Every structure is written in structure tokens, then in C-alpha cells.
Amino acid sequence: MSLKKIASVLSCITGICGLLLAGSLYAQEDPDIIIQERCATEWPHNARMRAACVEQQEKVLDKSLSSPVDPRLPLQDHTLLREKCARDWPDDFRMRARCMEEQIAEKRMHRERE
């Protein structure tokens, strides 16, 4: 095998590994960084409001992480809804929590009708 082919194969492997790594980093997002960046963007010149924003986002995040899963819905539904709300609200945990509540209520209502 020529050096050019070897370099090409290694380049492809490196690219695939980079994509996989980026995907796993996205899946394991750091909520603290997201919260800090969101609040700094929202309140760049007001430290008090920025601190309140951080506190609110962290409180909602803690509550949502400690909330039990609704046993009336399959775990797969919860996962899909969590992913949808994270896509819809990538930097706002308060809105993610509201999205989850609304989506779960809608799913339950739909299932009860069936």
C-alpha cells in the first residue's frame, strides 16, 4: 500500500473518530457552562441579574434531575421527549423543564384516549 493511501485511510479514521468524539461531547453537555454562558449573554452588564439567572437555571436543573420518571410512560418516550426539549431549548433549562412537563402531559392524554 502506498504512503498516499495509508495517509488517506488514517485521515478518514481520524475524521470518523473526531465525529464520534464530538457526538459524545454533545451528549454529555456541561450544564454549568451552558448556564454561565446563557446568563452572561442575557445579562452582560448586570451582575446581580446574571447571578439570579444562574441561580434560577441551576434550581430548575437540580429539580428536573431529581424528579422521578412518570411510570405511566415508557422510558423510551421520556428519552425522546428529553432529547426534543434539549434541541428546542439548548441553553435554557427552565424552558426545557416546562417543555418536558407539557410534552409528558400531552403524551399521557394521548395514551389515555387510545
PDB file of N, CA and C in Angstrom:
ATOM      1  N   MET A   1       0.847  -1.175   0.000  1.00  0.00           N
ATOM      2  CA  MET A   1       0.000   0.000   0.000  1.00  0.00           C
ATOM      3  C   MET A   1       0.894   1.241   0.000  1.00  0.00           C
ATOM      4  N   SER A   2       0.557   2.208  -0.840  1.00  0.00           N
ATOM      5  CA  SER A   2       1.386   3.403  -0.943  1.00  0.00           C
ATOM      6  C   SER A   2       1.179   4.306   0.267  1.00  0.00           C
ATOM      7  N   LEU A   3       2.134   5.191   0.462  1.00  0.00           N
ATOM      8  CA  LEU A   3       2.042   6.143   1.570  1.00  0.00           C
ATOM      9  C   LEU A   3       0.831   7.051   1.423  1.00  0.00           C
ATOM     10  N   LYS A   4       0.481   7.391   0.184  1.00  0.00           N
ATOM     11  CA  LYS A   4      -0.677   8.244  -0.072  1.00  0.00           C
ATOM     12  C   LYS A   4      -1.962   7.566   0.385  1.00  0.00           C
ATOM     13  N   LYS A   5      -2.098   6.265   0.095  1.00  0.00           N
ATOM     14  CA  LYS A   5      -3.289   5.518   0.502  1.00  0.00           C
ATOM     15  C   LYS A   5      -3.354   5.392   2.028  1.00  0.00           C
ATOM     16  N   ILE A   6      -2.213   5.121   2.633  1.00  0.00           N
ATOM     17  CA  ILE A   6      -2.161   4.998   4.094  1.00  0.00           C
ATOM     18  C   ILE A   6      -2.571   6.325   4.745  1.00  0.00           C
ATOM     19  N   ALA A   7      -2.041   7.416   4.220  1.00  0.00           N
ATOM     20  CA  ALA A   7      -2.388   8.733   4.748  1.00  0.00           C
ATOM     21  C   ALA A   7      -3.877   9.009   4.579  1.00  0.00           C
ATOM     22  N   SER A   8      -4.443   8.602   3.455  1.00  0.00           N
ATOM     23  CA  SER A   8      -5.862   8.796   3.191  1.00  0.00           C
ATOM     24  C   SER A   8      -6.710   7.989   4.175  1.00  0.00           C
ATOM     25  N   VAL A   9      -6.343   6.740   4.412  1.00  0.00           N
ATOM     26  CA  VAL A   9      -7.074   5.881   5.348  1.00  0.00           C
ATOM     27  C   VAL A   9      -6.987   6.456   6.759  1.00  0.00           C
ATOM     28  N   LEU A  10      -5.800   6.872   7.175  1.00  0.00           N
ATOM     29  CA  LEU A  10      -5.634   7.459   8.510  1.00  0.00           C
ATOM     30  C   LEU A  10      -6.435   8.739   8.657  1.00  0.00           C
ATOM     31  N   SER A  11      -6.496   9.523   7.607  1.00  0.00           N
ATOM     32  CA  SER A  11      -7.271  10.753   7.626  1.00  0.00           C
ATOM     33  C   SER A  11      -8.755  10.457   7.827  1.00  0.00           C
ATOM     34  N   CYS A  12      -9.252   9.429   7.125  1.00  0.00           N
ATOM     35  CA  CYS A  12     -10.663   9.035   7.285  1.00  0.00           C
ATOM     36  C   CYS A  12     -10.931   8.550   8.695  1.00  0.00           C
ATOM     37  N   ILE A  13     -10.055   7.713   9.207  1.00  0.00           N
ATOM     38  CA  ILE A  13     -10.228   7.185  10.562  1.00  0.00           C
ATOM     39  C   ILE A  13     -10.231   8.335  11.569  1.00  0.00           C
ATOM     40  N   THR A  14      -9.304   9.272  11.424  1.00  0.00           N
ATOM     41  CA  THR A  14      -9.236  10.421  12.317  1.00  0.00           C
ATOM     42  C   THR A  14     -10.520  11.242  12.236  1.00  0.00           C
ATOM     43  N   GLY A  15     -11.026  11.439  11.044  1.00  0.00           N
ATOM     44  CA  GLY A  15     -12.268  12.204  10.871  1.00  0.00           C
ATOM     45  C   GLY A  15     -13.445  11.534  11.530  1.00  0.00           C
ATOM     46  N   ILE A  16     -13.547  10.208  11.371  1.00  0.00           N
ATOM     47  CA  ILE A  16     -14.639   9.464  11.996  1.00  0.00           C
ATOM     48  C   ILE A  16     -14.525   9.531  13.507  1.00  0.00           C
ATOM     49  N   CYS A  17     -13.319   9.367  14.020  1.00  0.00           N
ATOM     50  CA  CYS A  17     -13.121   9.457  15.473  1.00  0.00           C
ATOM     51  C   CYS A  17     -13.488  10.844  15.976  1.00  0.00           C
ATOM     52  N   GLY A  18     -13.146  11.857  15.213  1.00  0.00           N
ATOM     53  CA  GLY A  18     -13.495  13.224  15.606  1.00  0.00           C
ATOM     54  C   GLY A  18     -14.992  13.428  15.669  1.00  0.00           C
ATOM     55  N   LEU A  19     -15.715  12.878  14.687  1.00  0.00           N
ATOM     56  CA  LEU A  19     -17.181  12.980  14.690  1.00  0.00           C
ATOM     57  C   LEU A  19     -17.774  12.237  15.873  1.00  0.00           C
ATOM     58  N   LEU A  20     -17.259  11.052  16.161  1.00  0.00           N
ATOM     59  CA  LEU A  20     -17.773  10.285  17.295  1.00  0.00           C
ATOM     60  C   LEU A  20     -17.501  11.010  18.600  1.00  0.00           C
ATOM     61  N   LEU A  21     -16.322  11.584  18.737  1.00  0.00           N
ATOM     62  CA  LEU A  21     -15.972  12.315  19.940  1.00  0.00           C
ATOM     63  C   LEU A  21     -16.852  13.541  20.095  1.00  0.00           C
ATOM     64  N   ALA A  22     -17.075  14.270  19.022  1.00  0.00           N
ATOM     65  CA  ALA A  22     -17.937  15.452  19.086  1.00  0.00           C
ATOM     66  C   ALA A  22     -19.350  15.057  19.473  1.00  0.00           C
ATOM     67  N   GLY A  23     -19.847  13.944  18.949  1.00  0.00           N
ATOM     68  CA  GLY A  23     -21.179  13.469  19.305  1.00  0.00           C
ATOM     69  C   GLY A  23     -21.282  13.118  20.769  1.00  0.00           C
ATOM     70  N   SER A  24     -20.258  12.451  21.313  1.00  0.00           N
ATOM     71  CA  SER A  24     -20.322  12.079  22.725  1.00  0.00           C
ATOM     72  C   SER A  24     -20.166  13.303  23.619  1.00  0.00           C
ATOM     73  N   LEU A  25     -19.407  14.300  23.188  1.00  0.00           N
ATOM     74  CA  LEU A  25     -19.292  15.520  23.975  1.00  0.00           C
ATOM     75  C   LEU A  25     -20.614  16.268  23.996  1.00  0.00           C
ATOM     76  N   TYR A  26     -21.321  16.282  22.850  1.00  0.00           N
ATOM     77  CA  TYR A  26     -22.612  16.947  22.798  1.00  0.00           C
ATOM     78  C   TYR A  26     -23.593  16.229  23.716  1.00  0.00           C
ATOM     79  N   ALA A  27     -23.550  14.895  23.709  1.00  0.00           N
ATOM     80  CA  ALA A  27     -24.465  14.119  24.538  1.00  0.00           C
ATOM     81  C   ALA A  27     -24.175  14.338  26.018  1.00  0.00           C
ATOM     82  N   GLN A  28     -22.924  14.636  26.333  1.00  0.00           N
ATOM     83  CA  GLN A  28     -22.540  14.855  27.720  1.00  0.00           C
ATOM     84  C   GLN A  28     -22.267  16.337  27.956  1.00  0.00           C
ATOM     85  N   GLU A  29     -23.201  17.181  27.547  1.00  0.00           N
ATOM     86  CA  GLU A  29     -23.035  18.616  27.683  1.00  0.00           C
ATOM     87  C   GLU A  29     -22.823  19.000  29.140  1.00  0.00           C
ATOM     88  N   ASP A  30     -22.094  20.058  29.354  1.00  0.00           N
ATOM     89  CA  ASP A  30     -21.821  20.541  30.704  1.00  0.00           C
ATOM     90  C   ASP A  30     -22.835  21.622  31.053  1.00  0.00           C
ATOM     91  N   PRO A  31     -23.823  21.303  31.887  1.00  0.00           N
ATOM     92  CA  PRO A  31     -24.873  22.274  32.192  1.00  0.00           C
ATOM     93  C   PRO A  31     -24.347  23.544  32.844  1.00  0.00           C
ATOM     94  N   ASP A  32     -23.293  23.427  33.640  1.00  0.00           N
ATOM     95  CA  ASP A  32     -22.750  24.622  34.297  1.00  0.00           C
ATOM     96  C   ASP A  32     -22.237  25.636  33.275  1.00  0.00           C
ATOM     97  N   ILE A  33     -21.560  25.148  32.265  1.00  0.00           N
ATOM     98  CA  ILE A  33     -21.042  26.034  31.218  1.00  0.00           C
ATOM     99  C   ILE A  33     -22.194  26.645  30.431  1.00  0.00           C
ATOM    100  N   ILE A  34     -23.182  25.812  30.095  1.00  0.00           N
ATOM    101  CA  ILE A  34     -24.345  26.306  29.344  1.00  0.00           C
ATOM    102  C   ILE A  34     -25.046  27.412  30.131  1.00  0.00           C
ATOM    103  N   ILE A  35     -25.250  27.182  31.418  1.00  0.00           N
ATOM    104  CA  ILE A  35     -25.931  28.168  32.265  1.00  0.00           C
ATOM    105  C   ILE A  35     -25.118  29.454  32.358  1.00  0.00           C
ATOM    106  N   GLN A  36     -23.831  29.333  32.610  1.00  0.00           N
ATOM    107  CA  GLN A  36     -22.977  30.517  32.737  1.00  0.00           C
ATOM    108  C   GLN A  36     -22.989  31.337  31.441  1.00  0.00           C
ATOM    109  N   GLU A  37     -22.862  30.654  30.302  1.00  0.00           N
ATOM    110  CA  GLU A  37     -22.836  31.363  29.017  1.00  0.00           C
ATOM    111  C   GLU A  37     -24.177  32.027  28.717  1.00  0.00           C
ATOM    112  N   ARG A  38     -25.268  31.312  28.989  1.00  0.00           N
ATOM    113  CA  ARG A  38     -26.595  31.882  28.728  1.00  0.00           C
ATOM    114  C   ARG A  38     -26.823  33.129  29.560  1.00  0.00           C
ATOM    115  N   CYS A  39     -26.536  33.041  30.842  1.00  0.00           N
ATOM    116  CA  CYS A  39     -26.802  34.170  31.733  1.00  0.00           C
ATOM    117  C   CYS A  39     -25.853  35.339  31.452  1.00  0.00           C
ATOM    118  N   ALA A  40     -24.619  35.045  31.067  1.00  0.00           N
ATOM    119  CA  ALA A  40     -23.681  36.115  30.717  1.00  0.00           C
ATOM    120  C   ALA A  40     -24.143  36.831  29.450  1.00  0.00           C
ATOM    121  N   THR A  41     -24.710  36.085  28.516  1.00  0.00           N
ATOM    122  CA  THR A  41     -25.216  36.680  27.283  1.00  0.00           C
ATOM    123  C   THR A  41     -26.473  37.496  27.559  1.00  0.00           C
ATOM    124  N   GLU A  42     -27.334  36.958  28.398  1.00  0.00           N
ATOM    125  CA  GLU A  42     -28.602  37.617  28.696  1.00  0.00           C
ATOM    126  C   GLU A  42     -28.414  38.870  29.566  1.00  0.00           C
ATOM    127  N   TRP A  43     -27.446  38.819  30.476  1.00  0.00           N
ATOM    128  CA  TRP A  43     -27.223  39.926  31.410  1.00  0.00           C
ATOM    129  C   TRP A  43     -25.737  40.321  31.427  1.00  0.00           C
ATOM    130  N   PRO A  44     -25.211  40.838  30.316  1.00  0.00           N
ATOM    131  CA  PRO A  44     -23.772  41.126  30.253  1.00  0.00           C
ATOM    132  C   PRO A  44     -23.308  42.254  31.183  1.00  0.00           C
ATOM    133  N   HIS A  45     -24.204  43.188  31.518  1.00  0.00           N
ATOM    134  CA  HIS A  45     -23.787  44.356  32.295  1.00  0.00           C
ATOM    135  C   HIS A  45     -24.458  44.432  33.665  1.00  0.00           C
ATOM    136  N   ASN A  46     -25.091  43.344  34.103  1.00  0.00           N
ATOM    137  CA  ASN A  46     -25.789  43.373  35.379  1.00  0.00           C
ATOM    138  C   ASN A  46     -25.468  42.100  36.152  1.00  0.00           C
ATOM    139  N   ALA A  47     -24.486  42.206  37.032  1.00  0.00           N
ATOM    140  CA  ALA A  47     -24.009  41.039  37.778  1.00  0.00           C
ATOM    141  C   ALA A  47     -25.101  40.452  38.670  1.00  0.00           C
ATOM    142  N   ARG A  48     -25.931  41.292  39.255  1.00  0.00           N
ATOM    143  CA  ARG A  48     -26.995  40.813  40.138  1.00  0.00           C
ATOM    144  C   ARG A  48     -28.007  39.966  39.352  1.00  0.00           C
ATOM    145  N   MET A  49     -28.427  40.463  38.207  1.00  0.00           N
ATOM    146  CA  MET A  49     -29.383  39.714  37.388  1.00  0.00           C
ATOM    147  C   MET A  49     -28.747  38.447  36.816  1.00  0.00           C
ATOM    148  N   ARG A  50     -27.466  38.532  36.487  1.00  0.00           N
ATOM    149  CA  ARG A  50     -26.758  37.353  35.972  1.00  0.00           C
ATOM    150  C   ARG A  50     -26.720  36.270  37.062  1.00  0.00           C
ATOM    151  N   ALA A  51     -26.443  36.676  38.309  1.00  0.00           N
ATOM    152  CA  ALA A  51     -26.402  35.718  39.420  1.00  0.00           C
ATOM    153  C   ALA A  51     -27.783  35.112  39.660  1.00  0.00           C
ATOM    154  N   ALA A  52     -28.835  35.929  39.573  1.00  0.00           N
ATOM    155  CA  ALA A  52     -30.203  35.428  39.742  1.00  0.00           C
ATOM    156  C   ALA A  52     -30.550  34.448  38.628  1.00  0.00           C
ATOM    157  N   CYS A  53     -30.125  34.755  37.422  1.00  0.00           N
ATOM    158  CA  CYS A  53     -30.358  33.876  36.270  1.00  0.00           C
ATOM    159  C   CYS A  53     -29.690  32.522  36.504  1.00  0.00           C
ATOM    160  N   VAL A  54     -28.433  32.546  36.941  1.00  0.00           N
ATOM    161  CA  VAL A  54     -27.689  31.308  37.207  1.00  0.00           C
ATOM    162  C   VAL A  54     -28.395  30.508  38.296  1.00  0.00           C
ATOM    163  N   GLU A  55     -28.786  31.188  39.364  1.00  0.00           N
ATOM    164  CA  GLU A  55     -29.460  30.506  40.472  1.00  0.00           C
ATOM    165  C   GLU A  55     -30.761  29.848  40.005  1.00  0.00           C
ATOM    166  N   GLN A  56     -31.554  30.572  39.224  1.00  0.00           N
ATOM    167  CA  GLN A  56     -32.821  30.038  38.728  1.00  0.00           C
ATOM    168  C   GLN A  56     -32.593  28.816  37.837  1.00  0.00           C
ATOM    169  N   GLN A  57     -31.656  28.933  36.904  1.00  0.00           N
ATOM    170  CA  GLN A  57     -31.382  27.824  35.983  1.00  0.00           C
ATOM    171  C   GLN A  57     -30.871  26.589  36.749  1.00  0.00           C
ATOM    172  N   GLU A  58     -29.983  26.805  37.726  1.00  0.00           N
ATOM    173  CA  GLU A  58     -29.444  25.685  38.496  1.00  0.00           C
ATOM    174  C   GLU A  58     -30.526  25.021  39.337  1.00  0.00           C
ATOM    175  N   LYS A  59     -31.413  25.819  39.911  1.00  0.00           N
ATOM    176  CA  LYS A  59     -32.503  25.287  40.731  1.00  0.00           C
ATOM    177  C   LYS A  59     -33.420  24.398  39.879  1.00  0.00           C
ATOM    178  N   VAL A  60     -33.771  24.885  38.698  1.00  0.00           N
ATOM    179  CA  VAL A  60     -34.640  24.111  37.802  1.00  0.00           C
ATOM    180  C   VAL A  60     -33.926  22.843  37.354  1.00  0.00           C
ATOM    181  N   LEU A  61     -32.641  22.959  37.035  1.00  0.00           N
ATOM    182  CA  LEU A  61     -31.871  21.786  36.602  1.00  0.00           C
ATOM    183  C   LEU A  61     -31.824  20.745  37.715  1.00  0.00           C
ATOM    184  N   ASP A  62     -31.520  21.169  38.942  1.00  0.00           N
ATOM    185  CA  ASP A  62     -31.465  20.238  40.070  1.00  0.00           C
ATOM    186  C   ASP A  62     -32.812  19.545  40.276  1.00  0.00           C
ATOM    187  N   LYS A  63     -33.888  20.318  40.197  1.00  0.00           N
ATOM    188  CA  LYS A  63     -35.228  19.751  40.384  1.00  0.00           C
ATOM    189  C   LYS A  63     -35.546  18.736  39.290  1.00  0.00           C
ATOM    190  N   SER A  64     -35.215  19.081  38.047  1.00  0.00           N
ATOM    191  CA  SER A  64     -35.533  18.164  36.943  1.00  0.00           C
ATOM    192  C   SER A  64     -34.689  16.893  37.006  1.00  0.00           C
ATOM    193  N   LEU A  65     -33.460  16.999  37.499  1.00  0.00           N
ATOM    194  CA  LEU A  65     -32.611  15.814  37.609  1.00  0.00           C
ATOM    195  C   LEU A  65     -33.061  14.897  38.742  1.00  0.00           C
ATOM    196  N   SER A  66     -33.694  15.474  39.767  1.00  0.00           N
ATOM    197  CA  SER A  66     -34.120  14.660  40.905  1.00  0.00           C
ATOM    198  C   SER A  66     -35.575  14.220  40.805  1.00  0.00           C
ATOM    199  N   SER A  67     -36.294  14.697  39.789  1.00  0.00           N
ATOM    200  CA  SER A  67     -37.701  14.324  39.629  1.00  0.00           C
ATOM    201  C   SER A  67     -37.812  12.883  39.146  1.00  0.00           C
ATOM    202  N   PRO A  68     -38.762  12.141  39.710  1.00  0.00           N
ATOM    203  CA  PRO A  68     -38.941  10.759  39.250  1.00  0.00           C
ATOM    204  C   PRO A  68     -39.543  10.732  37.848  1.00  0.00           C
ATOM    205  N   VAL A  69     -39.287   9.655  37.153  1.00  0.00           N
ATOM    206  CA  VAL A  69     -39.824   9.455  35.813  1.00  0.00           C
ATOM    207  C   VAL A  69     -41.292   9.045  35.959  1.00  0.00           C
ATOM    208  N   ASP A  70     -42.144   9.587  35.110  1.00  0.00           N
ATOM    209  CA  ASP A  70     -43.565   9.245  35.137  1.00  0.00           C
ATOM    210  C   ASP A  70     -43.718   7.769  34.760  1.00  0.00           C
ATOM    211  N   PRO A  71     -44.211   6.938  35.696  1.00  0.00           N
ATOM    212  CA  PRO A  71     -44.287   5.497  35.422  1.00  0.00           C
ATOM    213  C   PRO A  71     -45.341   5.134  34.376  1.00  0.00           C
ATOM    214  N   ARG A  72     -46.223   6.065  34.030  1.00  0.00           N
ATOM    215  CA  ARG A  72     -47.264   5.760  33.047  1.00  0.00           C
ATOM    216  C   ARG A  72     -46.755   5.820  31.612  1.00  0.00           C
ATOM    217  N   LEU A  73     -45.540   6.361  31.439  1.00  0.00           N
ATOM    218  CA  LEU A  73     -44.961   6.444  30.092  1.00  0.00           C
ATOM    219  C   LEU A  73     -43.726   5.562  30.000  1.00  0.00           C
ATOM    220  N   PRO A  74     -43.518   4.932  28.867  1.00  0.00           N
ATOM    221  CA  PRO A  74     -42.303   4.130  28.689  1.00  0.00           C
ATOM    222  C   PRO A  74     -41.048   5.006  28.785  1.00  0.00           C
ATOM    223  N   LEU A  75     -39.981   4.413  29.269  1.00  0.00           N
ATOM    224  CA  LEU A  75     -38.712   5.127  29.417  1.00  0.00           C
ATOM    225  C   LEU A  75     -38.239   5.693  28.085  1.00  0.00           C
ATOM    226  N   GLN A  76     -38.489   4.957  27.002  1.00  0.00           N
ATOM    227  CA  GLN A  76     -38.088   5.420  25.669  1.00  0.00           C
ATOM    228  C   GLN A  76     -38.777   6.742  25.327  1.00  0.00           C
ATOM    229  N   ASP A  77     -40.045   6.885  25.698  1.00  0.00           N
ATOM    230  CA  ASP A  77     -40.767   8.140  25.451  1.00  0.00           C
ATOM    231  C   ASP A  77     -40.123   9.289  26.213  1.00  0.00           C
ATOM    232  N   HIS A  78     -39.751   9.020  27.465  1.00  0.00           N
ATOM    233  CA  HIS A  78     -39.086  10.055  28.262  1.00  0.00           C
ATOM    234  C   HIS A  78     -37.784  10.493  27.605  1.00  0.00           C
ATOM    235  N   THR A  79     -37.032   9.526  27.119  1.00  0.00           N
ATOM    236  CA  THR A  79     -35.754   9.833  26.471  1.00  0.00           C
ATOM    237  C   THR A  79     -35.976  10.679  25.223  1.00  0.00           C
ATOM    238  N   LEU A  80     -36.930  10.286  24.405  1.00  0.00           N
ATOM    239  CA  LEU A  80     -37.213  11.041  23.178  1.00  0.00           C
ATOM    240  C   LEU A  80     -37.697  12.459  23.492  1.00  0.00           C
ATOM    241  N   LEU A  81     -38.544  12.583  24.492  1.00  0.00           N
ATOM    242  CA  LEU A  81     -39.042  13.910  24.870  1.00  0.00           C
ATOM    243  C   LEU A  81     -37.915  14.781  25.424  1.00  0.00           C
ATOM    244  N   ARG A  82     -37.047  14.190  26.241  1.00  0.00           N
ATOM    245  CA  ARG A  82     -35.912  14.942  26.800  1.00  0.00           C
ATOM    246  C   ARG A  82     -35.002  15.435  25.675  1.00  0.00           C
ATOM    247  N   GLU A  83     -34.755  14.574  24.681  1.00  0.00           N
ATOM    248  CA  GLU A  83     -33.912  14.963  23.545  1.00  0.00           C
ATOM    249  C   GLU A  83     -34.569  16.077  22.730  1.00  0.00           C
ATOM    250  N   LYS A  84     -35.875  15.978  22.519  1.00  0.00           N
ATOM    251  CA  LYS A  84     -36.597  17.001  21.765  1.00  0.00           C
ATOM    252  C   LYS A  84     -36.526  18.344  22.488  1.00  0.00           C
ATOM    253  N   CYS A  85     -36.788  18.327  23.786  1.00  0.00           N
ATOM    254  CA  CYS A  85     -36.771  19.579  24.550  1.00  0.00           C
ATOM    255  C   CYS A  85     -35.355  20.176  24.612  1.00  0.00           C
ATOM    256  N   ALA A  86     -34.342  19.321  24.674  1.00  0.00           N
ATOM    257  CA  ALA A  86     -32.953  19.808  24.666  1.00  0.00           C
ATOM    258  C   ALA A  86     -32.617  20.457  23.325  1.00  0.00           C
ATOM    259  N   ARG A  87     -33.143  19.892  22.239  1.00  0.00           N
ATOM    260  CA  ARG A  87     -32.924  20.500  20.920  1.00  0.00           C
ATOM    261  C   ARG A  87     -33.673  21.830  20.811  1.00  0.00           C
ATOM    262  N   ASP A  88     -34.913  21.845  21.313  1.00  0.00           N
ATOM    263  CA  ASP A  88     -35.724  23.061  21.228  1.00  0.00           C
ATOM    264  C   ASP A  88     -35.195  24.179  22.123  1.00  0.00           C
ATOM    265  N   TRP A  89     -34.629  23.829  23.255  1.00  0.00           N
ATOM    266  CA  TRP A  89     -34.151  24.807  24.242  1.00  0.00           C
ATOM    267  C   TRP A  89     -32.730  24.444  24.669  1.00  0.00           C
ATOM    268  N   PRO A  90     -31.754  24.596  23.785  1.00  0.00           N
ATOM    269  CA  PRO A  90     -30.391  24.128  24.077  1.00  0.00           C
ATOM    270  C   PRO A  90     -29.700  24.848  25.235  1.00  0.00           C
ATOM    271  N   ASP A  91     -30.128  26.086  25.536  1.00  0.00           N
ATOM    272  CA  ASP A  91     -29.406  26.828  26.579  1.00  0.00           C
ATOM    273  C   ASP A  91     -30.323  27.351  27.691  1.00  0.00           C
ATOM    274  N   ASP A  92     -31.513  26.762  27.817  1.00  0.00           N
ATOM    275  CA  ASP A  92     -32.451  27.254  28.828  1.00  0.00           C
ATOM    276  C   ASP A  92     -33.105  26.068  29.541  1.00  0.00           C
ATOM    277  N   PHE A  93     -32.580  25.745  30.726  1.00  0.00           N
ATOM    278  CA  PHE A  93     -33.076  24.587  31.460  1.00  0.00           C
ATOM    279  C   PHE A  93     -34.474  24.816  32.022  1.00  0.00           C
ATOM    280  N   ARG A  94     -34.838  26.055  32.278  1.00  0.00           N
ATOM    281  CA  ARG A  94     -36.191  26.361  32.743  1.00  0.00           C
ATOM    282  C   ARG A  94     -37.200  26.010  31.652  1.00  0.00           C
ATOM    283  N   MET A  95     -36.890  26.405  30.436  1.00  0.00           N
ATOM    284  CA  MET A  95     -37.788  26.109  29.326  1.00  0.00           C
ATOM    285  C   MET A  95     -37.772  24.621  28.967  1.00  0.00           C
ATOM    286  N   ARG A  96     -36.647  23.966  29.153  1.00  0.00           N
ATOM    287  CA  ARG A  96     -36.591  22.516  28.934  1.00  0.00           C
ATOM    288  C   ARG A  96     -37.547  21.816  29.899  1.00  0.00           C
ATOM    289  N   ALA A  97     -37.522  22.237  31.169  1.00  0.00           N
ATOM    290  CA  ALA A  97     -38.385  21.613  32.172  1.00  0.00           C
ATOM    291  C   ALA A  97     -39.853  21.845  31.822  1.00  0.00           C
ATOM    292  N   ARG A  98     -40.186  23.055  31.421  1.00  0.00           N
ATOM    293  CA  ARG A  98     -41.562  23.352  31.026  1.00  0.00           C
ATOM    294  C   ARG A  98     -41.952  22.523  29.796  1.00  0.00           C
ATOM    295  N   CYS A  99     -41.058  22.431  28.851  1.00  0.00           N
ATOM    296  CA  CYS A  99     -41.284  21.632  27.644  1.00  0.00           C
ATOM    297  C   CYS A  99     -41.561  20.178  28.027  1.00  0.00           C
ATOM    298  N   MET A 100     -40.754  19.629  28.930  1.00  0.00           N
ATOM    299  CA  MET A 100     -40.943  18.247  29.359  1.00  0.00           C
ATOM    300  C   MET A 100     -42.306  18.058  30.010  1.00  0.00           C
ATOM    301  N   GLU A 101     -42.676  18.965  30.893  1.00  0.00           N
ATOM    302  CA  GLU A 101     -43.977  18.862  31.564  1.00  0.00           C
ATOM    303  C   GLU A 101     -45.113  18.856  30.545  1.00  0.00           C
ATOM    304  N   GLU A 102     -45.042  19.780  29.599  1.00  0.00           N
ATOM    305  CA  GLU A 102     -46.098  19.874  28.582  1.00  0.00           C
ATOM    306  C   GLU A 102     -46.119  18.648  27.678  1.00  0.00           C
ATOM    307  N   GLN A 103     -44.950  18.186  27.266  1.00  0.00           N
ATOM    308  CA  GLN A 103     -44.871  17.032  26.373  1.00  0.00           C
ATOM    309  C   GLN A 103     -45.373  15.763  27.065  1.00  0.00           C
ATOM    310  N   ILE A 104     -45.008  15.585  28.340  1.00  0.00           N
ATOM    311  CA  ILE A 104     -45.441  14.402  29.089  1.00  0.00           C
ATOM    312  C   ILE A 104     -46.953  14.435  29.278  1.00  0.00           C
ATOM    313  N   ALA A 105     -47.487  15.606  29.629  1.00  0.00           N
ATOM    314  CA  ALA A 105     -48.939  15.726  29.804  1.00  0.00           C
ATOM    315  C   ALA A 105     -49.660  15.410  28.497  1.00  0.00           C
ATOM    316  N   GLU A 106     -49.139  15.907  27.407  1.00  0.00           N
ATOM    317  CA  GLU A 106     -49.750  15.650  26.096  1.00  0.00           C
ATOM    318  C   GLU A 106     -49.677  14.166  25.744  1.00  0.00           C
ATOM    319  N   LYS A 107     -48.533  13.534  25.994  1.00  0.00           N
ATOM    320  CA  LYS A 107     -48.366  12.106  25.711  1.00  0.00           C
ATOM    321  C   LYS A 107     -49.337  11.277  26.546  1.00  0.00           C
ATOM    322  N   ARG A 108     -49.451  11.611  27.849  1.00  0.00           N
ATOM    323  CA  ARG A 108     -50.366  10.878  28.728  1.00  0.00           C
ATOM    324  C   ARG A 108     -51.800  11.009  28.242  1.00  0.00           C
ATOM    325  N   MET A 109     -52.196  12.225  27.891  1.00  0.00           N
ATOM    326  CA  MET A 109     -53.551  12.465  27.420  1.00  0.00           C
ATOM    327  C   MET A 109     -53.813  11.656  26.145  1.00  0.00           C
ATOM    328  N   HIS A 110     -52.846  11.643  25.258  1.00  0.00           N
ATOM    329  CA  HIS A 110     -52.976  10.888  24.004  1.00  0.00           C
ATOM    330  C   HIS A 110     -53.113   9.396  24.282  1.00  0.00           C
ATOM    331  N   ARG A 111     -52.310   8.879  25.205  1.00  0.00           N
ATOM    332  CA  ARG A 111     -52.354   7.449  25.532  1.00  0.00           C
ATOM    333  C   ARG A 111     -53.670   7.073  26.211  1.00  0.00           C
ATOM    334  N   GLU A 112     -54.194   7.971  27.041  1.00  0.00           N
ATOM    335  CA  GLU A 112     -55.452   7.692  27.734  1.00  0.00           C
ATOM    336  C   GLU A 112     -56.633   7.641  26.762  1.00  0.00           C
ATOM    337  N   ARG A 113     -56.550   8.378  25.675  1.00  0.00           N
ATOM    338  CA  ARG A 113     -57.599   8.376  24.665  1.00  0.00           C
ATOM    339  C   ARG A 113     -57.629   7.091  23.862  1.00  0.00           C
ATOM    340  N   GLU A 114     -56.468   6.448  23.758  1.00  0.00           N
ATOM    341  CA  GLU A 114     -56.368   5.226  22.928  1.00  0.00           C
ATOM    342  C   GLU A 114     -57.061   4.053  23.550  1.00  0.00           C
TER     343      GLU A 114
END
